Protein backbone atom coordinates (compact mmCIF):
# COMPACT_ATOMS: atom_id res chain seq x y z
CA MET A 1 103.50 116.13 100.23
CA VAL A 2 104.56 112.74 98.86
CA LYS A 3 101.94 110.94 96.78
CA LEU A 4 102.45 107.19 96.74
CA SER A 5 101.02 104.67 94.31
CA GLU A 6 99.44 101.46 95.62
CA ALA A 7 102.62 99.51 94.82
CA GLU A 8 104.78 102.14 96.52
CA TRP A 9 102.60 101.85 99.65
CA LYS A 10 103.42 98.13 99.73
CA VAL A 11 107.14 98.84 99.59
CA MET A 12 106.84 101.59 102.21
CA ASP A 13 104.91 99.28 104.56
CA LEU A 14 107.73 96.77 104.26
CA LEU A 15 110.37 99.43 104.98
CA TRP A 16 108.36 100.85 107.89
CA GLU A 17 108.16 97.34 109.29
CA GLU A 18 111.93 96.90 109.14
CA ALA A 19 114.67 98.98 107.59
CA PRO A 20 117.08 98.92 106.01
CA ARG A 21 116.31 96.44 103.28
CA THR A 22 118.13 95.68 100.04
CA ILE A 23 116.59 95.47 96.57
CA MET A 24 116.86 91.67 96.70
CA GLN A 25 115.22 91.46 100.13
CA ILE A 26 112.32 93.58 98.85
CA THR A 27 112.09 91.56 95.63
CA ASN A 28 112.14 88.25 97.48
CA HIS A 29 109.43 89.45 99.84
CA PHE A 30 107.04 90.38 97.01
CA ARG A 31 107.99 87.88 94.27
CA GLU A 32 105.29 85.28 95.00
CA THR A 33 102.42 87.63 95.83
CA THR A 34 103.02 90.26 93.11
CA GLY A 35 105.35 88.73 90.55
CA TRP A 36 107.65 91.73 90.82
CA THR A 37 111.14 91.28 89.42
CA LYS A 38 114.32 92.96 90.60
CA HIS A 39 113.96 95.51 87.80
CA THR A 40 110.39 96.32 88.84
CA VAL A 41 111.50 96.93 92.43
CA MET A 42 114.42 99.04 91.21
CA THR A 43 112.01 101.20 89.22
CA PHE A 44 109.74 101.67 92.24
CA LEU A 45 112.67 102.60 94.47
CA ARG A 46 114.05 105.08 91.94
CA ARG A 47 110.67 106.80 91.67
CA MET A 48 110.30 106.79 95.45
CA GLU A 49 113.76 108.37 95.81
CA GLU A 50 112.76 111.10 93.38
CA LYS A 51 109.65 111.79 95.45
CA GLY A 52 111.67 111.96 98.67
CA ALA A 53 110.02 108.88 100.18
CA VAL A 54 113.17 106.74 100.54
CA HIS A 55 116.93 107.01 100.44
CA TYR A 56 119.73 104.49 100.33
CA GLU A 57 123.14 104.08 101.84
CA GLU A 58 125.83 101.99 100.24
CA GLY A 59 126.22 98.74 102.15
CA GLU A 60 129.06 96.25 101.95
CA ARG A 61 127.46 94.34 99.10
CA ALA A 62 124.24 96.20 98.27
CA ARG A 63 122.37 99.44 98.74
CA GLN A 64 120.43 99.64 101.98
CA TYR A 65 117.06 101.40 101.60
CA TYR A 66 115.42 103.45 104.36
CA PRO A 67 112.08 105.30 104.55
CA ASP A 68 112.31 109.10 104.61
CA ILE A 69 108.71 109.73 105.56
CA GLU A 70 106.82 108.64 108.65
CA LYS A 71 103.92 106.24 108.21
CA ASP A 72 101.48 108.30 110.24
CA GLU A 73 102.25 111.44 108.21
CA ALA A 74 101.84 109.58 104.90
CA ALA A 75 98.57 108.05 106.10
CA PHE A 76 97.30 111.46 107.24
CA GLN A 77 98.10 113.05 103.86
CA GLU A 78 96.44 110.18 101.99
CA THR A 79 93.37 110.38 104.22
CA GLU A 80 93.06 114.15 103.75
CA GLU A 81 93.32 113.80 99.99
CA PHE A 82 90.70 111.03 99.94
CA LEU A 83 88.31 113.00 102.13
CA ASP A 84 88.74 116.11 99.96
CA LYS A 85 88.26 114.23 96.72
CA VAL A 86 85.35 111.99 97.67
CA PHE A 87 83.58 113.75 100.57
CA HIS A 88 84.60 117.40 100.07
CA GLY A 89 86.72 117.21 103.21
CA ARG A 90 83.81 116.20 105.44
CA LEU A 91 84.56 113.30 107.77
CA GLY A 92 80.96 113.30 109.04
CA LEU A 93 79.66 112.77 105.51
CA MET A 94 81.98 109.79 105.08
CA LEU A 95 80.89 108.25 108.39
CA ASN A 96 77.23 108.84 107.58
CA THR A 97 77.70 107.03 104.28
CA MET A 98 79.32 104.09 106.08
CA VAL A 99 76.43 103.96 108.60
CA GLU A 100 73.76 104.13 105.88
CA ARG A 101 75.45 101.31 103.99
CA LYS A 102 75.74 99.25 107.18
CA ALA A 103 79.44 99.00 106.47
CA LEU A 104 80.58 99.27 110.11
CA SER A 105 80.81 96.29 112.42
CA GLY A 106 79.86 96.51 116.10
CA GLU A 107 83.55 96.41 116.94
CA GLU A 108 84.32 99.32 114.60
CA ILE A 109 81.44 101.36 116.06
CA SER A 110 82.78 100.74 119.60
CA GLU A 111 86.24 101.76 118.44
CA LEU A 112 84.83 104.98 116.96
CA TYR A 113 83.07 105.76 120.26
CA GLU A 114 86.37 105.36 122.11
CA ILE A 115 88.24 107.54 119.61
CA LEU A 116 85.60 110.28 119.85
CA LYS A 117 85.49 110.08 123.65
CA LYS A 118 89.28 110.50 123.78
CA ALA A 119 89.16 113.41 121.33
CA GLU A 120 86.47 115.10 123.44
CA GLU A 121 88.50 114.66 126.64
CA GLU A 122 91.61 116.07 125.00
CA SER A 123 89.76 119.14 123.68
CA LEU A 124 88.48 120.14 127.14
């Protein structure tokens, strides 16, 4: 299991969107919104390499970074950890909390109905 920090998720989202990317491409993408410097990005990428989240190949002029984990797998792991930590692994408890807080829009409720209907059909 690869545990990603919030900043590492941002980098991974960028790499999942399009890979490979160089350190400078990543830095330029985030410079205005985060203030990250080249050295900050290099630190993130080094840590992410150590975790097994990314790898690089030597390009003509710069290292080319690629994701080593799939987005859906990383999201599933993160979701499972969150559910275990906050709701003792109980999805129903989380949804009930969202309903009680009126935190779901009509569109989200419709989407949940469709997801549950599909899950029910697939389990038959």
